[in-house]
């Protein structure tokens, strides 16, 4: 792998940016920025942990309200779905039973 001028320039610019960031963060304004970032990060972490704790409760509530909304807006939905499932189950069973036909030499056409 050869190192060309483009890679070298990229490395030098990255190192210069790192040095500049280090110098800036050593100033009073940079230290204030770091403290603000730390505070925001800890707030976000606490908010995320709270959301994880509330997730099961939220999804249970969503499930309950969703089923209630479907039942109130579409009162025949449960019956329709049961009929549909029965229809497909019956059709599948019938197709499987019809597939068990055996061919004997007397019925086979040559």
N, C-alpha and C. Protein backbone atom coordinates (compact mmCIF):
# COMPACT_ATOMS: atom_id res chain seq x y z
N UNK A 1 0.86 -1.17 0.00
CA UNK A 1 0.00 0.00 0.00
C UNK A 1 0.91 1.23 0.00
N UNK A 2 0.69 2.06 -0.97
CA UNK A 2 1.55 3.24 -1.08
C UNK A 2 0.88 4.44 -0.43
N UNK A 3 1.71 5.28 0.11
CA UNK A 3 1.23 6.52 0.73
C UNK A 3 1.47 7.63 -0.27
N UNK A 4 0.40 8.23 -0.73
CA UNK A 4 0.58 9.33 -1.67
C UNK A 4 0.35 10.66 -0.95
N UNK A 5 0.49 11.73 -1.67
CA UNK A 5 0.39 13.07 -1.09
C UNK A 5 -1.00 13.33 -0.51
N UNK A 6 -2.01 12.76 -1.12
CA UNK A 6 -3.37 12.98 -0.63
C UNK A 6 -3.55 12.39 0.77
N UNK A 7 -3.04 11.17 0.99
CA UNK A 7 -3.14 10.55 2.31
C UNK A 7 -2.33 11.32 3.34
N UNK A 8 -1.18 11.77 2.96
CA UNK A 8 -0.32 12.52 3.87
C UNK A 8 -0.98 13.85 4.26
N UNK A 9 -1.58 14.54 3.28
CA UNK A 9 -2.26 15.81 3.56
C UNK A 9 -3.45 15.58 4.49
N UNK A 10 -4.18 14.50 4.28
CA UNK A 10 -5.33 14.19 5.13
C UNK A 10 -4.87 13.93 6.57
N UNK A 11 -3.79 13.18 6.73
CA UNK A 11 -3.26 12.91 8.05
C UNK A 11 -2.82 14.20 8.74
N UNK A 12 -2.13 15.06 8.03
CA UNK A 12 -1.64 16.31 8.62
C UNK A 12 -2.80 17.22 9.01
N UNK A 13 -3.82 17.31 8.15
CA UNK A 13 -4.98 18.14 8.48
C UNK A 13 -5.72 17.58 9.70
N UNK A 14 -5.85 16.26 9.79
CA UNK A 14 -6.50 15.65 10.94
C UNK A 14 -5.74 15.91 12.23
N UNK A 15 -4.42 15.79 12.16
CA UNK A 15 -3.60 16.06 13.35
C UNK A 15 -3.70 17.52 13.75
N UNK A 16 -3.71 18.43 12.77
CA UNK A 16 -3.83 19.86 13.08
C UNK A 16 -5.19 20.16 13.71
N UNK A 17 -6.25 19.52 13.21
CA UNK A 17 -7.57 19.74 13.80
C UNK A 17 -7.59 19.23 15.24
N UNK A 18 -6.95 18.09 15.50
CA UNK A 18 -6.88 17.55 16.85
C UNK A 18 -6.15 18.48 17.80
N UNK A 19 -5.05 19.04 17.35
CA UNK A 19 -4.28 19.98 18.18
C UNK A 19 -5.10 21.23 18.45
N UNK A 20 -5.79 21.73 17.42
CA UNK A 20 -6.60 22.94 17.59
C UNK A 20 -7.74 22.67 18.57
N UNK A 21 -8.39 21.51 18.46
CA UNK A 21 -9.48 21.18 19.38
C UNK A 21 -8.96 21.07 20.80
N UNK A 22 -7.79 20.45 20.97
CA UNK A 22 -7.20 20.33 22.31
C UNK A 22 -6.91 21.70 22.90
N UNK A 23 -6.33 22.58 22.11
CA UNK A 23 -6.02 23.94 22.59
C UNK A 23 -7.31 24.69 22.97
N UNK A 24 -8.35 24.55 22.14
CA UNK A 24 -9.61 25.24 22.41
C UNK A 24 -10.24 24.71 23.70
N UNK A 25 -10.21 23.41 23.89
CA UNK A 25 -10.85 22.83 25.07
C UNK A 25 -10.10 23.16 26.36
N UNK A 26 -8.87 23.63 26.26
CA UNK A 26 -8.12 24.03 27.45
C UNK A 26 -8.48 25.43 27.91
N UNK A 27 -9.17 26.18 27.06
CA UNK A 27 -9.57 27.54 27.45
C UNK A 27 -10.81 27.48 28.34
N UNK A 28 -11.14 28.62 28.94
CA UNK A 28 -12.31 28.68 29.81
C UNK A 28 -13.59 28.42 29.03
N UNK A 29 -13.66 28.95 27.83
CA UNK A 29 -14.83 28.74 26.98
C UNK A 29 -14.95 27.27 26.57
N UNK A 30 -13.83 26.64 26.30
CA UNK A 30 -13.83 25.22 25.94
C UNK A 30 -14.26 24.34 27.10
N UNK A 31 -13.81 24.68 28.31
CA UNK A 31 -14.21 23.91 29.50
C UNK A 31 -15.71 24.06 29.74
N UNK A 32 -16.25 25.25 29.49
CA UNK A 32 -17.68 25.47 29.63
C UNK A 32 -18.45 24.62 28.61
N UNK A 33 -17.93 24.56 27.39
CA UNK A 33 -18.55 23.75 26.35
C UNK A 33 -18.55 22.27 26.76
N UNK A 34 -17.46 21.78 27.31
CA UNK A 34 -17.39 20.39 27.76
C UNK A 34 -18.39 20.11 28.87
N UNK A 35 -18.51 21.03 29.81
CA UNK A 35 -19.47 20.85 30.89
C UNK A 35 -20.90 20.81 30.35
N UNK A 36 -21.21 21.69 29.39
CA UNK A 36 -22.54 21.69 28.78
C UNK A 36 -22.80 20.37 28.06
N UNK A 37 -21.80 19.88 27.35
CA UNK A 37 -21.95 18.61 26.65
C UNK A 37 -22.16 17.45 27.63
N UNK A 38 -21.42 17.46 28.72
CA UNK A 38 -21.58 16.41 29.73
C UNK A 38 -22.97 16.44 30.34
N UNK A 39 -23.45 17.65 30.63
CA UNK A 39 -24.79 17.80 31.21
C UNK A 39 -25.86 17.31 30.25
N UNK A 40 -25.75 17.70 28.98
CA UNK A 40 -26.73 17.27 27.99
C UNK A 40 -26.67 15.76 27.79
N UNK A 41 -25.47 15.20 27.80
CA UNK A 41 -25.33 13.75 27.63
C UNK A 41 -25.96 13.00 28.80
N UNK A 42 -25.76 13.47 30.01
CA UNK A 42 -26.35 12.80 31.16
C UNK A 42 -27.88 12.94 31.15
N UNK A 43 -28.38 14.09 30.70
CA UNK A 43 -29.83 14.27 30.58
C UNK A 43 -30.42 13.31 29.56
N UNK A 44 -29.76 13.19 28.42
CA UNK A 44 -30.22 12.27 27.39
C UNK A 44 -30.18 10.82 27.87
N UNK A 45 -29.13 10.48 28.62
CA UNK A 45 -29.02 9.12 29.15
C UNK A 45 -30.17 8.83 30.11
N UNK A 46 -30.46 9.77 30.99
CA UNK A 46 -31.55 9.59 31.95
C UNK A 46 -32.89 9.48 31.23
N UNK A 47 -33.08 10.29 30.20
CA UNK A 47 -34.32 10.25 29.43
C UNK A 47 -34.45 8.90 28.70
N UNK A 48 -33.36 8.40 28.15
CA UNK A 48 -33.39 7.11 27.45
C UNK A 48 -33.68 5.97 28.43
N UNK A 49 -33.07 6.01 29.60
CA UNK A 49 -33.32 4.98 30.60
C UNK A 49 -34.79 5.01 31.05
N UNK A 50 -35.34 6.20 31.20
CA UNK A 50 -36.75 6.33 31.57
C UNK A 50 -37.66 5.78 30.48
N UNK A 51 -37.30 6.03 29.22
CA UNK A 51 -38.10 5.53 28.11
C UNK A 51 -38.06 4.00 28.06
N UNK A 52 -36.91 3.42 28.34
CA UNK A 52 -36.79 1.96 28.35
C UNK A 52 -37.66 1.37 29.47
N UNK A 53 -37.67 2.02 30.60
CA UNK A 53 -38.50 1.53 31.72
C UNK A 53 -39.99 1.63 31.42
N UNK A 54 -40.38 2.66 30.66
CA UNK A 54 -41.79 2.87 30.37
C UNK A 54 -42.27 2.10 29.14
N UNK A 55 -41.37 1.53 28.36
CA UNK A 55 -41.75 0.88 27.09
C UNK A 55 -42.77 -0.24 27.25
N UNK A 56 -42.59 -1.19 28.17
CA UNK A 56 -43.60 -2.26 28.29
C UNK A 56 -44.99 -1.72 28.62
N UNK A 57 -45.03 -0.75 29.51
CA UNK A 57 -46.31 -0.15 29.89
C UNK A 57 -46.94 0.56 28.68
N UNK A 58 -46.12 1.26 27.90
CA UNK A 58 -46.61 1.97 26.72
C UNK A 58 -47.17 1.00 25.70
N UNK A 59 -46.46 -0.09 25.42
CA UNK A 59 -46.92 -1.04 24.42
C UNK A 59 -48.17 -1.78 24.89
N UNK A 60 -48.30 -2.04 26.17
CA UNK A 60 -49.52 -2.66 26.68
C UNK A 60 -50.71 -1.72 26.49
N UNK A 61 -50.51 -0.45 26.79
CA UNK A 61 -51.56 0.55 26.62
C UNK A 61 -51.93 0.68 25.13
N UNK A 62 -50.93 0.67 24.27
CA UNK A 62 -51.16 0.76 22.83
C UNK A 62 -51.97 -0.45 22.34
N UNK A 63 -51.63 -1.62 22.83
CA UNK A 63 -52.36 -2.84 22.46
C UNK A 63 -53.81 -2.76 22.91
N UNK A 64 -54.02 -2.33 24.14
CA UNK A 64 -55.37 -2.24 24.68
C UNK A 64 -56.21 -1.21 23.92
N UNK A 65 -55.65 -0.02 23.75
CA UNK A 65 -56.40 1.04 23.05
C UNK A 65 -56.62 0.68 21.59
N UNK A 66 -55.65 0.02 20.97
CA UNK A 66 -55.80 -0.38 19.57
C UNK A 66 -56.91 -1.39 19.39
N UNK A 67 -56.95 -2.38 20.27
CA UNK A 67 -58.01 -3.39 20.15
C UNK A 67 -59.38 -2.77 20.45
N UNK A 68 -59.43 -1.86 21.40
CA UNK A 68 -60.70 -1.18 21.69
C UNK A 68 -61.15 -0.33 20.51
N UNK A 69 -60.20 0.34 19.86
CA UNK A 69 -60.55 1.19 18.71
C UNK A 69 -61.06 0.33 17.56
N UNK A 70 -60.43 -0.80 17.32
CA UNK A 70 -60.89 -1.68 16.25
C UNK A 70 -62.27 -2.22 16.56
N UNK A 71 -62.48 -2.65 17.81
CA UNK A 71 -63.79 -3.19 18.18
C UNK A 71 -64.88 -2.14 18.10
N UNK A 72 -64.58 -0.89 18.46
CA UNK A 72 -65.61 0.14 18.42
C UNK A 72 -65.87 0.63 17.00
N UNK A 73 -64.84 0.73 16.17
CA UNK A 73 -65.01 1.23 14.81
C UNK A 73 -65.43 0.14 13.83
N UNK A 74 -65.01 -1.08 14.07
CA UNK A 74 -65.33 -2.21 13.20
C UNK A 74 -65.86 -3.36 14.05
N UNK A 75 -67.13 -3.29 14.46
CA UNK A 75 -67.66 -4.30 15.39
C UNK A 75 -67.66 -5.71 14.83
N UNK A 76 -67.72 -5.87 13.51
CA UNK A 76 -67.76 -7.20 12.92
C UNK A 76 -66.37 -7.70 12.52
N UNK A 77 -65.33 -6.98 12.86
CA UNK A 77 -63.99 -7.35 12.43
C UNK A 77 -63.56 -8.70 12.99
N UNK A 78 -63.85 -8.97 14.24
CA UNK A 78 -63.44 -10.23 14.86
C UNK A 78 -64.11 -11.41 14.18
N UNK A 79 -65.42 -11.29 13.92
CA UNK A 79 -66.16 -12.36 13.24
C UNK A 79 -65.62 -12.54 11.82
N UNK A 80 -65.35 -11.43 11.13
CA UNK A 80 -64.83 -11.49 9.77
C UNK A 80 -63.49 -12.22 9.72
N UNK A 81 -62.59 -11.88 10.64
CA UNK A 81 -61.28 -12.52 10.66
C UNK A 81 -61.38 -14.00 10.99
N UNK A 82 -62.25 -14.36 11.93
CA UNK A 82 -62.43 -15.78 12.26
C UNK A 82 -62.96 -16.55 11.06
N UNK A 83 -63.94 -15.97 10.35
CA UNK A 83 -64.49 -16.62 9.16
C UNK A 83 -63.43 -16.76 8.08
N UNK A 84 -62.62 -15.74 7.92
CA UNK A 84 -61.57 -15.77 6.92
C UNK A 84 -60.53 -16.85 7.23
N UNK A 85 -60.14 -16.94 8.48
CA UNK A 85 -59.18 -17.96 8.89
C UNK A 85 -59.77 -19.35 8.72
N UNK A 86 -61.04 -19.52 9.09
CA UNK A 86 -61.70 -20.82 8.91
C UNK A 86 -61.77 -21.18 7.43
N UNK A 87 -62.04 -20.20 6.59
CA UNK A 87 -62.14 -20.45 5.16
C UNK A 87 -60.80 -20.94 4.61
N UNK A 88 -59.72 -20.29 4.98
CA UNK A 88 -58.40 -20.71 4.50
C UNK A 88 -57.99 -22.06 5.09
N UNK A 89 -58.31 -22.28 6.34
CA UNK A 89 -57.99 -23.56 6.97
C UNK A 89 -58.75 -24.70 6.30
N UNK A 90 -60.02 -24.48 6.02
CA UNK A 90 -60.84 -25.49 5.34
C UNK A 90 -60.34 -25.73 3.93
N UNK A 91 -59.99 -24.67 3.21
CA UNK A 91 -59.50 -24.81 1.84
C UNK A 91 -58.18 -25.56 1.82
N UNK A 92 -57.31 -25.31 2.77
CA UNK A 92 -56.02 -25.99 2.84
C UNK A 92 -56.23 -27.47 3.14
N UNK A 93 -57.09 -27.78 4.08
CA UNK A 93 -57.37 -29.17 4.44
C UNK A 93 -57.98 -29.92 3.26
N UNK A 94 -58.88 -29.28 2.55
CA UNK A 94 -59.52 -29.90 1.38
C UNK A 94 -58.48 -30.16 0.30
N UNK A 95 -57.60 -29.19 0.05
CA UNK A 95 -56.56 -29.35 -0.98
C UNK A 95 -55.59 -30.46 -0.60
N UNK A 96 -55.26 -30.58 0.66
CA UNK A 96 -54.36 -31.65 1.10
C UNK A 96 -55.01 -33.01 0.93
N UNK A 97 -56.30 -33.11 1.24
CA UNK A 97 -57.01 -34.38 1.10
C UNK A 97 -57.16 -34.77 -0.37
N UNK A 98 -57.38 -33.81 -1.24
CA UNK A 98 -57.49 -34.10 -2.67
C UNK A 98 -56.15 -34.48 -3.26
N UNK A 99 -55.07 -34.04 -2.66
CA UNK A 99 -53.73 -34.36 -3.14
C UNK A 99 -53.32 -35.78 -2.83
N UNK A 100 -54.09 -36.51 -2.03
CA UNK A 100 -53.76 -37.87 -1.64
C UNK A 100 -54.30 -38.90 -2.64
N UNK A 101 -54.60 -38.48 -3.85
CA UNK A 101 -55.13 -39.40 -4.86
C UNK A 101 -53.99 -40.25 -5.38
N UNK A 102 -54.21 -41.55 -5.43
CA UNK A 102 -53.19 -42.46 -5.96
C UNK A 102 -53.58 -42.91 -7.34
N UNK A 103 -52.60 -43.04 -8.18
CA UNK A 103 -52.86 -43.47 -9.56
C UNK A 103 -52.49 -44.94 -9.67
N UNK A 104 -53.43 -45.70 -10.14
CA UNK A 104 -53.18 -47.14 -10.33
C UNK A 104 -53.01 -47.39 -11.83
N UNK A 105 -52.37 -48.48 -12.19
CA UNK A 105 -52.12 -48.75 -13.61
C UNK A 105 -53.41 -48.85 -14.42
N UNK A 106 -54.49 -49.28 -13.83
CA UNK A 106 -55.72 -49.41 -14.59
C UNK A 106 -56.35 -48.06 -14.92
N UNK A 107 -56.07 -47.03 -14.08
CA UNK A 107 -56.66 -45.70 -14.32
C UNK A 107 -55.70 -44.79 -15.08
N UNK A 108 -54.44 -45.16 -15.16
CA UNK A 108 -53.47 -44.32 -15.84
C UNK A 108 -53.60 -44.46 -17.33
N UNK A 109 -53.52 -43.37 -18.04
CA UNK A 109 -53.57 -43.43 -19.50
C UNK A 109 -52.16 -43.40 -20.03
N UNK A 110 -51.87 -44.29 -20.93
CA UNK A 110 -50.55 -44.36 -21.51
C UNK A 110 -50.51 -43.72 -22.85
